[in-house]
């Protein structure tokens, strides 16, 4: 990284020195910040960090609202999240296990869900592009932590945004089939349970 302060310190701007100084300084700042922020925050070095807490809260509010509407409150809820939204969908699903029956994460960042992964009860489909190697690894790790019905689908030749011809069509088909399967099966199970209660 070039010096953000050109001309201010020729010694530090020397290319042989600046990189080492920069790396050490960033590690120092990160270490300092880690003790200052609470356990719910993360200090990342030279990475974009997307705050997904707001997305989780929006999903939770929307889910709670649906449950209060007489015309739709009996419907089962499914989430679809992409990239960081996939992590947010998983956290929200963990918070509302009785309401949320299915989750589809497209090119998602389930690592952002942290410990919530182990609390997800919704059937979860993780869809990743075959050329999105870091995200494949993240999703494989998440799959091992999920205790619900779950599957990882890799779309061959697709990158993170699924911009290749036909890639998003494959994602749409996978998502449709997953949501229909698990939202319908949840409704069928509830009707059977209600019928059993009525005959007791």
N, C-alpha and C. Protein backbone atom coordinates (compact mmCIF):
# COMPACT_ATOMS: atom_id res chain seq x y z
N UNK A 1 0.85 -1.18 0.00
CA UNK A 1 0.00 0.00 0.00
C UNK A 1 0.89 1.24 0.00
N UNK A 2 0.63 2.21 -0.88
CA UNK A 2 1.43 3.43 -0.86
C UNK A 2 1.12 4.25 0.39
N UNK A 3 2.09 5.06 0.78
CA UNK A 3 1.89 5.90 1.95
C UNK A 3 0.72 6.86 1.73
N UNK A 4 -0.18 6.97 2.71
CA UNK A 4 -1.28 7.92 2.57
C UNK A 4 -0.84 9.36 2.82
N UNK A 5 0.40 9.53 3.27
CA UNK A 5 0.92 10.86 3.58
C UNK A 5 2.19 11.15 2.78
N UNK A 6 2.12 11.27 1.46
CA UNK A 6 3.34 11.47 0.67
C UNK A 6 4.06 12.76 1.06
N UNK A 7 5.38 12.65 1.16
CA UNK A 7 6.20 13.82 1.47
C UNK A 7 6.32 14.12 2.94
N UNK A 8 5.64 13.40 3.80
CA UNK A 8 5.67 13.72 5.22
C UNK A 8 6.82 13.04 5.95
N UNK A 9 7.18 11.84 5.53
CA UNK A 9 8.26 11.14 6.20
C UNK A 9 9.01 10.30 5.17
N UNK A 10 10.09 10.87 4.60
CA UNK A 10 10.82 10.15 3.56
C UNK A 10 11.33 8.79 4.02
N UNK A 11 11.67 8.65 5.31
CA UNK A 11 12.16 7.37 5.80
C UNK A 11 11.07 6.30 5.67
N UNK A 12 9.86 6.61 6.14
CA UNK A 12 8.77 5.64 6.08
C UNK A 12 8.29 5.41 4.66
N UNK A 13 8.46 6.39 3.77
CA UNK A 13 8.01 6.24 2.40
C UNK A 13 8.96 5.41 1.55
N UNK A 14 10.10 5.10 2.09
CA UNK A 14 11.02 4.23 1.37
C UNK A 14 10.31 2.89 1.16
N UNK A 15 10.18 2.41 -0.09
CA UNK A 15 9.44 1.17 -0.35
C UNK A 15 9.96 -0.03 0.42
N UNK A 16 11.24 -0.02 0.75
CA UNK A 16 11.79 -1.14 1.52
C UNK A 16 11.35 -1.11 2.98
N UNK A 17 10.91 0.05 3.47
CA UNK A 17 10.54 0.20 4.87
C UNK A 17 9.03 0.31 5.03
N UNK A 18 8.37 1.02 4.13
CA UNK A 18 6.95 1.34 4.29
C UNK A 18 6.08 0.10 4.45
N UNK A 19 6.29 -0.91 3.62
CA UNK A 19 5.43 -2.10 3.67
C UNK A 19 5.51 -2.77 5.04
N UNK A 20 6.72 -2.93 5.56
CA UNK A 20 6.89 -3.56 6.86
C UNK A 20 6.26 -2.71 7.96
N UNK A 21 6.50 -1.39 7.91
CA UNK A 21 5.90 -0.50 8.91
C UNK A 21 4.38 -0.58 8.85
N UNK A 22 3.85 -0.51 7.64
CA UNK A 22 2.40 -0.53 7.45
C UNK A 22 1.81 -1.82 8.04
N UNK A 23 2.40 -2.97 7.73
CA UNK A 23 1.88 -4.24 8.23
C UNK A 23 1.91 -4.29 9.75
N UNK A 24 3.01 -3.87 10.32
CA UNK A 24 3.11 -3.89 11.79
C UNK A 24 2.14 -2.90 12.44
N UNK A 25 2.00 -1.74 11.82
CA UNK A 25 1.11 -0.72 12.38
C UNK A 25 -0.34 -1.20 12.34
N UNK A 26 -0.75 -1.80 11.25
CA UNK A 26 -2.13 -2.29 11.14
C UNK A 26 -2.40 -3.38 12.18
N UNK A 27 -1.46 -4.29 12.38
CA UNK A 27 -1.63 -5.33 13.39
C UNK A 27 -1.73 -4.70 14.78
N UNK A 28 -0.91 -3.68 15.04
CA UNK A 28 -0.96 -2.98 16.33
C UNK A 28 -2.33 -2.33 16.53
N UNK A 29 -2.82 -1.63 15.52
CA UNK A 29 -4.12 -0.95 15.64
C UNK A 29 -5.24 -1.97 15.84
N UNK A 30 -5.21 -3.08 15.09
CA UNK A 30 -6.23 -4.11 15.24
C UNK A 30 -6.21 -4.68 16.66
N UNK A 31 -5.03 -4.97 17.18
CA UNK A 31 -4.92 -5.50 18.53
C UNK A 31 -5.44 -4.52 19.57
N UNK A 32 -5.14 -3.25 19.38
CA UNK A 32 -5.62 -2.21 20.28
C UNK A 32 -7.14 -2.13 20.24
N UNK A 33 -7.71 -2.16 19.03
CA UNK A 33 -9.16 -2.06 18.90
C UNK A 33 -9.90 -3.27 19.45
N UNK A 34 -9.31 -4.46 19.30
CA UNK A 34 -9.98 -5.67 19.78
C UNK A 34 -10.30 -5.61 21.26
N UNK A 35 -9.41 -5.01 22.05
CA UNK A 35 -9.68 -4.93 23.49
C UNK A 35 -10.66 -3.80 23.81
N UNK A 36 -10.85 -2.87 22.88
CA UNK A 36 -11.75 -1.75 23.12
C UNK A 36 -13.20 -2.07 22.76
N UNK A 37 -13.40 -2.91 21.75
CA UNK A 37 -14.75 -3.21 21.30
C UNK A 37 -15.27 -4.45 22.03
N UNK A 38 -16.58 -4.57 22.08
CA UNK A 38 -17.18 -5.69 22.78
C UNK A 38 -17.09 -6.99 22.00
N UNK A 39 -17.57 -8.08 22.61
CA UNK A 39 -17.48 -9.39 21.96
C UNK A 39 -18.38 -9.53 20.73
N UNK A 40 -19.33 -8.62 20.55
CA UNK A 40 -20.22 -8.69 19.39
C UNK A 40 -19.65 -7.98 18.17
N UNK A 41 -18.42 -7.50 18.27
CA UNK A 41 -17.82 -6.77 17.17
C UNK A 41 -16.55 -7.49 16.71
N UNK A 42 -16.19 -7.21 15.48
CA UNK A 42 -15.06 -7.89 14.87
C UNK A 42 -14.12 -6.86 14.27
N UNK A 43 -12.84 -6.99 14.54
CA UNK A 43 -11.84 -6.12 13.94
C UNK A 43 -11.19 -6.88 12.80
N UNK A 44 -11.29 -6.35 11.58
CA UNK A 44 -10.70 -6.99 10.41
C UNK A 44 -9.61 -6.09 9.86
N UNK A 45 -8.55 -6.70 9.36
CA UNK A 45 -7.43 -5.95 8.80
C UNK A 45 -7.53 -5.96 7.29
N UNK A 46 -7.61 -4.77 6.70
CA UNK A 46 -7.61 -4.59 5.25
C UNK A 46 -8.63 -5.46 4.53
N UNK A 47 -9.80 -5.62 5.12
CA UNK A 47 -10.89 -6.32 4.47
C UNK A 47 -12.12 -5.43 4.53
N UNK A 48 -12.97 -5.56 3.53
CA UNK A 48 -14.26 -4.90 3.62
C UNK A 48 -15.09 -5.69 4.62
N UNK A 49 -15.74 -4.99 5.50
CA UNK A 49 -16.59 -5.65 6.48
C UNK A 49 -17.99 -5.10 6.33
N UNK A 50 -18.90 -5.95 6.01
CA UNK A 50 -20.29 -5.53 5.83
C UNK A 50 -21.04 -5.78 7.12
N UNK A 51 -21.73 -4.78 7.59
CA UNK A 51 -22.51 -4.92 8.80
C UNK A 51 -23.86 -5.50 8.40
N UNK A 52 -24.14 -6.71 8.85
CA UNK A 52 -25.37 -7.37 8.45
C UNK A 52 -26.42 -7.36 9.55
N UNK A 53 -26.12 -6.75 10.69
CA UNK A 53 -27.07 -6.72 11.80
C UNK A 53 -28.38 -6.06 11.38
N UNK A 54 -28.31 -4.99 10.59
CA UNK A 54 -29.53 -4.31 10.16
C UNK A 54 -30.37 -5.22 9.30
N UNK A 55 -29.76 -6.00 8.43
CA UNK A 55 -30.51 -6.92 7.59
C UNK A 55 -31.20 -7.98 8.45
N UNK A 56 -30.51 -8.49 9.45
CA UNK A 56 -31.13 -9.46 10.36
C UNK A 56 -32.35 -8.85 11.02
N UNK A 57 -32.18 -7.63 11.52
CA UNK A 57 -33.29 -6.97 12.21
C UNK A 57 -34.47 -6.73 11.28
N UNK A 58 -34.20 -6.36 10.03
CA UNK A 58 -35.30 -6.17 9.08
C UNK A 58 -36.03 -7.48 8.83
N UNK A 59 -35.29 -8.57 8.68
CA UNK A 59 -35.93 -9.87 8.49
C UNK A 59 -36.77 -10.26 9.71
N UNK A 60 -36.24 -10.02 10.89
CA UNK A 60 -36.98 -10.36 12.10
C UNK A 60 -38.26 -9.53 12.21
N UNK A 61 -38.16 -8.24 11.92
CA UNK A 61 -39.35 -7.38 11.99
C UNK A 61 -40.39 -7.82 10.96
N UNK A 62 -39.93 -8.13 9.75
CA UNK A 62 -40.86 -8.58 8.70
C UNK A 62 -41.52 -9.89 9.10
N UNK A 63 -40.75 -10.81 9.66
CA UNK A 63 -41.29 -12.10 10.08
C UNK A 63 -42.31 -11.91 11.19
N UNK A 64 -41.99 -11.07 12.16
CA UNK A 64 -42.92 -10.80 13.26
C UNK A 64 -44.20 -10.15 12.74
N UNK A 65 -44.06 -9.24 11.79
CA UNK A 65 -45.23 -8.58 11.22
C UNK A 65 -46.13 -9.59 10.52
N UNK A 66 -45.55 -10.47 9.72
CA UNK A 66 -46.33 -11.50 9.02
C UNK A 66 -47.15 -12.31 10.02
N UNK A 67 -46.56 -12.62 11.16
CA UNK A 67 -47.24 -13.44 12.16
C UNK A 67 -48.44 -12.74 12.79
N UNK A 68 -48.51 -11.42 12.64
CA UNK A 68 -49.63 -10.68 13.24
C UNK A 68 -50.74 -10.36 12.24
N UNK A 69 -50.55 -10.69 10.98
CA UNK A 69 -51.53 -10.36 9.95
C UNK A 69 -52.51 -11.52 9.77
N UNK A 70 -53.79 -11.30 10.05
CA UNK A 70 -54.77 -12.40 10.01
C UNK A 70 -54.82 -13.15 8.68
N UNK A 71 -54.65 -12.44 7.57
CA UNK A 71 -54.77 -13.09 6.26
C UNK A 71 -53.58 -13.98 5.90
N UNK A 72 -52.44 -13.73 6.51
CA UNK A 72 -51.24 -14.48 6.10
C UNK A 72 -50.48 -15.10 7.27
N UNK A 73 -50.95 -14.93 8.48
CA UNK A 73 -50.16 -15.36 9.62
C UNK A 73 -49.94 -16.87 9.67
N UNK A 74 -50.74 -17.66 9.01
CA UNK A 74 -50.55 -19.10 9.03
C UNK A 74 -49.54 -19.59 8.00
N UNK A 75 -49.07 -18.70 7.14
CA UNK A 75 -48.12 -19.12 6.11
C UNK A 75 -46.74 -19.38 6.71
N UNK A 76 -46.06 -20.36 6.15
CA UNK A 76 -44.69 -20.65 6.58
C UNK A 76 -43.76 -19.66 5.91
N UNK A 77 -42.68 -19.33 6.58
CA UNK A 77 -41.75 -18.31 6.10
C UNK A 77 -40.48 -18.98 5.58
N UNK A 78 -40.01 -18.48 4.43
CA UNK A 78 -38.73 -18.89 3.88
C UNK A 78 -37.91 -17.66 3.56
N UNK A 79 -36.61 -17.74 3.74
CA UNK A 79 -35.71 -16.62 3.46
C UNK A 79 -34.82 -16.97 2.27
N UNK A 80 -34.51 -15.95 1.48
CA UNK A 80 -33.50 -16.06 0.43
C UNK A 80 -32.52 -14.92 0.66
N UNK A 81 -31.25 -15.24 0.84
CA UNK A 81 -30.25 -14.21 1.06
C UNK A 81 -29.06 -14.42 0.16
N UNK A 82 -28.49 -13.33 -0.33
CA UNK A 82 -27.31 -13.40 -1.20
C UNK A 82 -26.14 -12.70 -0.52
N UNK A 83 -24.96 -13.25 -0.69
CA UNK A 83 -23.73 -12.71 -0.15
C UNK A 83 -23.86 -12.53 1.36
N UNK A 84 -23.67 -11.30 1.88
CA UNK A 84 -23.78 -11.10 3.33
C UNK A 84 -25.22 -11.31 3.80
N UNK A 85 -26.17 -11.14 2.90
CA UNK A 85 -27.57 -11.39 3.25
C UNK A 85 -27.83 -12.85 3.59
N UNK A 86 -26.99 -13.75 3.06
CA UNK A 86 -27.11 -15.16 3.43
C UNK A 86 -26.81 -15.37 4.90
N UNK A 87 -25.77 -14.70 5.39
CA UNK A 87 -25.45 -14.77 6.82
C UNK A 87 -26.56 -14.17 7.67
N UNK A 88 -27.11 -13.04 7.23
CA UNK A 88 -28.20 -12.40 7.96
C UNK A 88 -29.43 -13.30 8.00
N UNK A 89 -29.75 -13.96 6.89
CA UNK A 89 -30.91 -14.86 6.84
C UNK A 89 -30.74 -16.02 7.81
N UNK A 90 -29.52 -16.55 7.93
CA UNK A 90 -29.28 -17.65 8.85
C UNK A 90 -29.42 -17.21 10.31
N UNK A 91 -28.92 -16.03 10.63
CA UNK A 91 -29.06 -15.52 12.00
C UNK A 91 -30.54 -15.30 12.32
N UNK A 92 -31.28 -14.68 11.40
CA UNK A 92 -32.70 -14.44 11.63
C UNK A 92 -33.46 -15.76 11.75
N UNK A 93 -33.12 -16.76 10.95
CA UNK A 93 -33.77 -18.06 11.04
C UNK A 93 -33.52 -18.70 12.40
N UNK A 94 -32.31 -18.52 12.93
CA UNK A 94 -32.00 -19.07 14.25
C UNK A 94 -32.82 -18.38 15.34
N UNK A 95 -33.12 -17.10 15.12
CA UNK A 95 -33.90 -16.34 16.11
C UNK A 95 -35.40 -16.65 16.06
N UNK A 96 -35.89 -17.15 14.93
CA UNK A 96 -37.33 -17.43 14.78
C UNK A 96 -37.53 -18.87 14.27
N UNK A 97 -37.08 -19.87 15.05
CA UNK A 97 -37.14 -21.25 14.57
C UNK A 97 -38.55 -21.78 14.33
N UNK A 98 -39.54 -21.27 15.04
CA UNK A 98 -40.90 -21.75 14.85
C UNK A 98 -41.52 -21.19 13.58
N UNK A 99 -41.07 -20.04 13.14
CA UNK A 99 -41.68 -19.38 11.98
C UNK A 99 -40.96 -19.69 10.68
N UNK A 100 -39.64 -19.71 10.71
CA UNK A 100 -38.85 -19.84 9.48
C UNK A 100 -38.56 -21.31 9.22
N UNK A 101 -39.05 -21.81 8.08
CA UNK A 101 -38.93 -23.24 7.78
C UNK A 101 -37.88 -23.55 6.73
N UNK A 102 -37.47 -22.54 5.94
CA UNK A 102 -36.50 -22.80 4.88
C UNK A 102 -35.65 -21.57 4.62
N UNK A 103 -34.37 -21.81 4.29
CA UNK A 103 -33.44 -20.74 3.95
C UNK A 103 -32.67 -21.16 2.71
N UNK A 104 -32.53 -20.21 1.78
CA UNK A 104 -31.64 -20.40 0.63
C UNK A 104 -30.61 -19.28 0.68
N UNK A 105 -29.34 -19.66 0.63
CA UNK A 105 -28.25 -18.69 0.65
C UNK A 105 -27.49 -18.81 -0.66
N UNK A 106 -27.46 -17.72 -1.45
CA UNK A 106 -26.80 -17.73 -2.76
C UNK A 106 -25.48 -16.99 -2.67
N UNK A 107 -24.37 -17.72 -2.85
CA UNK A 107 -23.06 -17.08 -2.74
C UNK A 107 -22.90 -16.44 -1.38
N UNK A 108 -23.50 -17.08 -0.39
CA UNK A 108 -23.63 -16.46 0.93
C UNK A 108 -22.39 -16.52 1.78
N UNK A 109 -22.43 -15.71 2.83
CA UNK A 109 -21.38 -15.65 3.82
C UNK A 109 -21.91 -16.20 5.15
N UNK A 110 -22.10 -17.52 5.22
CA UNK A 110 -22.63 -18.09 6.46
C UNK A 110 -21.68 -17.92 7.63
N UNK A 111 -20.40 -17.65 7.35
CA UNK A 111 -19.45 -17.42 8.43
C UNK A 111 -19.86 -16.22 9.28
N UNK A 112 -20.59 -15.28 8.67
CA UNK A 112 -21.04 -14.11 9.42
C UNK A 112 -22.13 -14.46 10.44
N UNK A 113 -22.73 -15.63 10.31
CA UNK A 113 -23.76 -16.06 11.26
C UNK A 113 -23.15 -16.55 12.56
N UNK A 114 -21.87 -16.91 12.54
CA UNK A 114 -21.18 -17.32 13.76
C UNK A 114 -21.86 -18.47 14.48
N UNK A 115 -22.02 -18.31 15.79
CA UNK A 115 -22.60 -19.36 16.63
C UNK A 115 -24.06 -19.63 16.32
N UNK A 116 -24.72 -18.71 15.64
CA UNK A 116 -26.14 -18.91 15.30
C UNK A 116 -26.33 -20.11 14.38
N UNK A 117 -25.31 -20.50 13.62
CA UNK A 117 -25.44 -21.64 12.70
C UNK A 117 -25.93 -22.89 13.42
N UNK A 118 -25.44 -23.14 14.59
CA UNK A 118 -25.83 -24.33 15.34
C UNK A 118 -27.25 -24.29 15.84
N UNK A 119 -27.88 -23.12 15.82
CA UNK A 119 -29.26 -22.98 16.29
C UNK A 119 -30.28 -22.95 15.15
N UNK A 120 -29.81 -22.96 13.91
CA UNK A 120 -30.73 -22.91 12.77
C UNK A 120 -31.48 -24.23 12.69
N UNK A 121 -32.82 -24.16 12.63
CA UNK A 121 -33.65 -25.35 12.49
C UNK A 121 -34.29 -25.43 11.11
N UNK A 122 -34.24 -24.34 10.36
CA UNK A 122 -34.83 -24.30 9.03
C UNK A 122 -34.01 -25.13 8.06
N UNK A 123 -34.68 -25.79 7.13
CA UNK A 123 -33.98 -26.51 6.06
C UNK A 123 -33.18 -25.49 5.27
N UNK A 124 -31.89 -25.73 5.09
CA UNK A 124 -30.99 -24.72 4.53
C UNK A 124 -30.27 -25.23 3.29
N UNK A 125 -30.41 -24.46 2.21
CA UNK A 125 -29.71 -24.75 0.96
C UNK A 125 -28.65 -23.68 0.75
N UNK A 126 -27.41 -24.11 0.62
CA UNK A 126 -26.30 -23.21 0.35
C UNK A 126 -25.91 -23.38 -1.12
N UNK A 127 -25.99 -22.31 -1.90
CA UNK A 127 -25.66 -22.38 -3.33
C UNK A 127 -24.45 -21.50 -3.58
N UNK A 128 -23.41 -22.08 -4.17
CA UNK A 128 -22.14 -21.37 -4.37
C UNK A 128 -21.66 -21.61 -5.80
N UNK A 129 -21.04 -20.59 -6.38
CA UNK A 129 -20.44 -20.74 -7.71
C UNK A 129 -19.20 -21.61 -7.65
N UNK A 130 -19.01 -22.45 -8.66
CA UNK A 130 -17.89 -23.37 -8.70
C UNK A 130 -16.53 -22.70 -8.78
N UNK A 131 -16.51 -21.43 -9.22
CA UNK A 131 -15.23 -20.70 -9.30
C UNK A 131 -15.07 -19.72 -8.13
N UNK A 132 -15.96 -19.78 -7.15
CA UNK A 132 -15.92 -18.89 -5.98
C UNK A 132 -15.28 -19.65 -4.81
N UNK A 133 -13.98 -19.97 -4.96
CA UNK A 133 -13.31 -20.90 -4.05
C UNK A 133 -13.34 -20.50 -2.58
N UNK A 134 -13.07 -19.24 -2.22
CA UNK A 134 -13.11 -18.92 -0.79
C UNK A 134 -14.50 -19.10 -0.19
N UNK A 135 -15.52 -18.79 -0.99
CA UNK A 135 -16.89 -18.91 -0.48
C UNK A 135 -17.31 -20.38 -0.42
N UNK A 136 -16.78 -21.21 -1.30
CA UNK A 136 -17.04 -22.66 -1.20
C UNK A 136 -16.54 -23.16 0.15
N UNK A 137 -15.31 -22.78 0.51
CA UNK A 137 -14.74 -23.21 1.79
C UNK A 137 -15.60 -22.75 2.97
N UNK A 138 -16.04 -21.49 2.93
CA UNK A 138 -16.88 -20.97 4.02
C UNK A 138 -18.18 -21.76 4.14
N UNK A 139 -18.78 -22.08 3.00
CA UNK A 139 -20.04 -22.80 3.01
C UNK A 139 -19.87 -24.26 3.42
N UNK A 140 -18.75 -24.87 3.06
CA UNK A 140 -18.48 -26.24 3.53
C UNK A 140 -18.33 -26.27 5.04
N UNK A 141 -17.64 -25.26 5.60
CA UNK A 141 -17.52 -25.16 7.06
C UNK A 141 -18.88 -24.98 7.70
N UNK A 142 -19.71 -24.12 7.11
CA UNK A 142 -21.05 -23.86 7.66
C UNK A 142 -21.90 -25.12 7.61
N UNK A 143 -21.80 -25.86 6.53
CA UNK A 143 -22.59 -27.09 6.39
C UNK A 143 -22.31 -28.06 7.53
N UNK A 144 -21.06 -28.12 7.96
CA UNK A 144 -20.69 -29.00 9.08
C UNK A 144 -21.27 -28.52 10.40
N UNK A 145 -21.56 -27.22 10.50
CA UNK A 145 -22.08 -26.67 11.75
C UNK A 145 -23.60 -26.67 11.84
N UNK A 146 -24.27 -26.80 10.70
CA UNK A 146 -25.73 -26.80 10.69
C UNK A 146 -26.26 -28.13 11.21
N UNK A 147 -27.30 -28.06 12.05
CA UNK A 147 -27.92 -29.27 12.60
C UNK A 147 -29.28 -29.52 11.97
N UNK A 148 -29.64 -28.74 11.00
CA UNK A 148 -30.92 -28.90 10.31
C UNK A 148 -30.69 -29.64 9.00
N UNK A 149 -31.79 -29.98 8.33
CA UNK A 149 -31.69 -30.52 6.98
C UNK A 149 -30.96 -29.49 6.13
N UNK A 150 -29.86 -29.87 5.50
CA UNK A 150 -29.07 -28.88 4.76
C UNK A 150 -28.31 -29.54 3.63
N UNK A 151 -28.01 -28.72 2.63
CA UNK A 151 -27.29 -29.22 1.45
C UNK A 151 -26.49 -28.08 0.83
N UNK A 152 -25.35 -28.43 0.24
CA UNK A 152 -24.53 -27.48 -0.50
C UNK A 152 -24.61 -27.84 -1.97
N UNK A 153 -25.02 -26.87 -2.79
CA UNK A 153 -25.07 -27.04 -4.24
C UNK A 153 -24.02 -26.12 -4.86
N UNK A 154 -23.16 -26.68 -5.69
CA UNK A 154 -22.15 -25.88 -6.37
C UNK A 154 -22.52 -25.79 -7.84
N UNK A 155 -22.67 -24.56 -8.34
CA UNK A 155 -23.02 -24.33 -9.75
C UNK A 155 -21.72 -24.26 -10.54
N UNK A 156 -21.46 -25.28 -11.39
CA UNK A 156 -20.18 -25.34 -12.12
C UNK A 156 -19.94 -24.10 -12.97
N UNK A 157 -18.71 -23.58 -12.91
CA UNK A 157 -18.29 -22.47 -13.75
C UNK A 157 -18.76 -21.10 -13.31
N UNK A 158 -19.58 -21.03 -12.26
CA UNK A 158 -20.12 -19.74 -11.83
C UNK A 158 -19.16 -19.04 -10.86
N UNK A 159 -19.12 -17.71 -10.95
CA UNK A 159 -18.33 -16.90 -10.03
C UNK A 159 -19.25 -16.41 -8.92
N UNK A 160 -18.76 -15.51 -8.09
CA UNK A 160 -19.51 -15.08 -6.90
C UNK A 160 -20.87 -14.46 -7.23
N UNK A 161 -20.93 -13.66 -8.28
CA UNK A 161 -22.19 -12.98 -8.60
C UNK A 161 -23.06 -13.76 -9.58
N UNK A 162 -22.62 -14.92 -10.00
CA UNK A 162 -23.39 -15.77 -10.92
C UNK A 162 -23.76 -15.01 -12.19
N UNK A 163 -22.80 -14.26 -12.73
CA UNK A 163 -23.05 -13.45 -13.92
C UNK A 163 -22.96 -14.24 -15.22
N UNK A 164 -22.48 -15.46 -15.15
CA UNK A 164 -22.32 -16.27 -16.35
C UNK A 164 -23.69 -16.65 -16.91
N UNK A 165 -23.79 -16.80 -18.23
CA UNK A 165 -25.08 -17.16 -18.84
C UNK A 165 -25.67 -18.43 -18.22
N UNK A 166 -26.90 -18.33 -17.79
CA UNK A 166 -27.62 -19.46 -17.23
C UNK A 166 -27.37 -19.73 -15.76
N UNK A 167 -26.37 -19.09 -15.17
CA UNK A 167 -26.03 -19.39 -13.77
C UNK A 167 -27.15 -18.99 -12.82
N UNK A 168 -27.69 -17.78 -12.99
CA UNK A 168 -28.77 -17.35 -12.09
C UNK A 168 -30.04 -18.16 -12.32
N UNK A 169 -30.25 -18.63 -13.54
CA UNK A 169 -31.39 -19.51 -13.80
C UNK A 169 -31.27 -20.80 -12.99
N UNK A 170 -30.05 -21.32 -12.91
CA UNK A 170 -29.83 -22.53 -12.10
C UNK A 170 -30.11 -22.24 -10.63
N UNK A 171 -29.65 -21.08 -10.14
CA UNK A 171 -29.90 -20.71 -8.75
C UNK A 171 -31.39 -20.59 -8.50
N UNK A 172 -32.10 -19.93 -9.42
CA UNK A 172 -33.54 -19.74 -9.26
C UNK A 172 -34.27 -21.08 -9.19
N UNK A 173 -33.88 -22.02 -10.06
CA UNK A 173 -34.51 -23.34 -10.04
C UNK A 173 -34.24 -24.09 -8.75
N UNK A 174 -33.00 -24.05 -8.28
CA UNK A 174 -32.65 -24.71 -7.02
C UNK A 174 -33.42 -24.09 -5.85
N UNK A 175 -33.48 -22.76 -5.82
CA UNK A 175 -34.18 -22.06 -4.73
C UNK A 175 -35.67 -22.39 -4.76
N UNK A 176 -36.28 -22.33 -5.95
CA UNK A 176 -37.71 -22.63 -6.08
C UNK A 176 -38.02 -24.03 -5.55
N UNK A 177 -37.24 -25.01 -6.00
CA UNK A 177 -37.50 -26.39 -5.60
C UNK A 177 -37.33 -26.58 -4.09
N UNK A 178 -36.30 -25.96 -3.53
CA UNK A 178 -36.04 -26.09 -2.09
C UNK A 178 -37.16 -25.46 -1.27
N UNK A 179 -37.53 -24.23 -1.64
CA UNK A 179 -38.57 -23.54 -0.88
C UNK A 179 -39.91 -24.25 -1.01
N UNK A 180 -40.27 -24.67 -2.19
CA UNK A 180 -41.53 -25.39 -2.36
C UNK A 180 -41.53 -26.69 -1.55
N UNK A 181 -40.45 -27.40 -1.60
CA UNK A 181 -40.36 -28.67 -0.88
C UNK A 181 -40.54 -28.48 0.62
N UNK A 182 -39.79 -27.55 1.19
CA UNK A 182 -39.79 -27.44 2.65
C UNK A 182 -40.93 -26.58 3.20
N UNK A 183 -41.40 -25.63 2.45
CA UNK A 183 -42.55 -24.86 2.93
C UNK A 183 -43.82 -25.68 2.81
N UNK A 184 -43.97 -26.44 1.74
CA UNK A 184 -45.15 -27.30 1.60
C UNK A 184 -45.13 -28.44 2.62
N UNK A 185 -43.97 -29.04 2.82
CA UNK A 185 -43.91 -30.16 3.77
C UNK A 185 -44.19 -29.68 5.18
N UNK A 186 -43.79 -28.44 5.50
CA UNK A 186 -44.10 -27.89 6.83
C UNK A 186 -45.59 -27.71 6.99
N UNK A 187 -46.27 -27.21 5.95
CA UNK A 187 -47.72 -27.03 6.02
C UNK A 187 -48.42 -28.38 6.15
N UNK A 188 -47.98 -29.38 5.39
CA UNK A 188 -48.58 -30.71 5.43
C UNK A 188 -48.41 -31.31 6.83
N UNK A 189 -47.22 -31.18 7.41
CA UNK A 189 -46.97 -31.73 8.75
C UNK A 189 -47.86 -31.05 9.78
N UNK A 190 -48.04 -29.75 9.65
CA UNK A 190 -48.89 -29.03 10.60
C UNK A 190 -50.35 -29.45 10.48
N UNK A 191 -50.82 -29.67 9.24
CA UNK A 191 -52.21 -30.11 9.06
C UNK A 191 -52.40 -31.50 9.66
N UNK A 192 -51.41 -32.38 9.49
CA UNK A 192 -51.51 -33.72 10.06
C UNK A 192 -51.51 -33.66 11.57
N UNK A 193 -50.67 -32.81 12.13
CA UNK A 193 -50.61 -32.66 13.58
C UNK A 193 -51.94 -32.12 14.13
N UNK A 194 -52.52 -31.13 13.42
CA UNK A 194 -53.81 -30.57 13.84
C UNK A 194 -54.91 -31.62 13.76
N UNK A 195 -54.88 -32.45 12.72
CA UNK A 195 -55.90 -33.50 12.57
C UNK A 195 -55.78 -34.52 13.71
N UNK A 196 -54.54 -34.86 14.07
CA UNK A 196 -54.32 -35.80 15.16
C UNK A 196 -54.83 -35.22 16.49
N UNK A 197 -54.61 -33.94 16.71
CA UNK A 197 -55.10 -33.31 17.93
C UNK A 197 -56.61 -33.34 17.96
N UNK A 198 -57.24 -33.16 16.79
CA UNK A 198 -58.70 -33.14 16.72
C UNK A 198 -59.34 -34.49 17.01
N UNK A 199 -58.62 -35.59 16.79
CA UNK A 199 -59.18 -36.93 17.02
C UNK A 199 -58.86 -37.45 18.41
N UNK A 200 -58.06 -36.73 19.14
CA UNK A 200 -57.69 -37.21 20.50
C UNK A 200 -58.76 -36.85 21.49
